[in-house]
Amino acid sequence: MATSKDFEKKLESSKEILQKLMDPEVTLQDSVKHYKEGMKALSDAQKMLEEAKLEFETIKDAQDH
């Protein structure tokens, strides 16, 4: 399972990429590259959240029974 440190790295990476995209000097080609990288990082972070949610639900269900 991914750690909270991994999750935080993904979020930080996304923030850095957003800063790059906001640069008025960035080329279209670089913008597309950065966008893809950012979407991948956010997708990975979302998967980590979903895994954590499932784990919490499993723990809760086990305690309820």
Protein backbone atom coordinates (compact mmCIF):
# COMPACT_ATOMS: atom_id res chain seq x y z
CA MET A 1 0.00 0.00 0.00
CA ALA A 2 1.16 3.51 -0.74
CA THR A 3 2.24 5.66 2.15
CA SER A 4 1.02 9.13 3.01
CA LYS A 5 4.47 10.36 2.00
CA ASP A 6 3.91 8.92 -1.51
CA PHE A 7 0.52 10.65 -1.65
CA GLU A 8 2.00 13.96 -0.56
CA LYS A 9 4.75 13.63 -3.19
CA LYS A 10 2.09 13.18 -5.89
CA LEU A 11 0.25 16.29 -4.73
CA GLU A 12 3.46 18.31 -4.54
CA SER A 13 4.41 17.14 -8.03
CA SER A 14 1.00 18.25 -9.30
CA LYS A 15 1.46 21.69 -7.75
CA GLU A 16 4.90 22.06 -9.36
CA ILE A 17 3.50 21.07 -12.74
CA LEU A 18 0.68 23.60 -12.36
CA GLN A 19 3.27 26.31 -11.76
CA LYS A 20 5.07 25.27 -14.94
CA LEU A 21 1.82 25.43 -16.90
CA MET A 22 1.15 28.95 -15.63
CA ASP A 23 4.48 30.19 -17.00
CA PRO A 24 3.68 32.45 -19.98
CA GLU A 25 6.94 31.38 -21.63
CA VAL A 26 6.08 27.66 -21.72
CA THR A 27 5.73 26.23 -25.21
CA LEU A 28 2.66 24.37 -26.41
CA GLN A 29 4.66 21.15 -26.65
CA ASP A 30 5.92 21.54 -23.07
CA SER A 31 2.41 22.44 -21.90
CA VAL A 32 1.05 19.18 -23.28
CA LYS A 33 3.91 17.22 -21.69
CA HIS A 34 3.39 18.90 -18.31
CA TYR A 35 -0.37 18.43 -18.52
CA LYS A 36 0.03 14.69 -19.11
CA GLU A 37 2.46 14.43 -16.19
CA GLY A 38 0.09 16.34 -13.94
CA MET A 39 -2.90 14.22 -14.86
CA LYS A 40 -0.90 11.06 -14.19
CA ALA A 41 0.16 12.33 -10.76
CA LEU A 42 -3.42 13.30 -9.89
CA SER A 43 -4.72 9.95 -11.13
CA ASP A 44 -2.18 8.12 -8.98
CA ALA A 45 -3.15 10.23 -5.96
CA GLN A 46 -6.83 9.50 -6.57
CA LYS A 47 -6.10 5.75 -6.67
CA MET A 48 -4.25 6.07 -3.35
CA LEU A 49 -7.27 7.79 -1.82
CA GLU A 50 -9.60 5.08 -3.11
CA GLU A 51 -7.36 2.36 -1.68
CA ALA A 52 -7.27 4.12 1.69
CA LYS A 53 -11.05 4.47 1.67
CA LEU A 54 -11.47 0.75 0.97
CA GLU A 55 -9.09 -0.07 3.79
CA PHE A 56 -11.04 2.15 6.22
CA GLU A 57 -14.30 0.55 5.12
CA THR A 58 -12.84 -2.93 5.61
CA ILE A 59 -11.68 -2.02 9.12
CA LYS A 60 -15.05 -0.46 9.95
CA ASP A 61 -16.94 -3.49 8.63
CA ALA A 62 -14.73 -5.83 10.66
CA GLN A 63 -15.43 -3.80 13.83
CA ASP A 64 -19.18 -3.74 13.17
CA HIS A 65 -19.34 -7.54 13.03
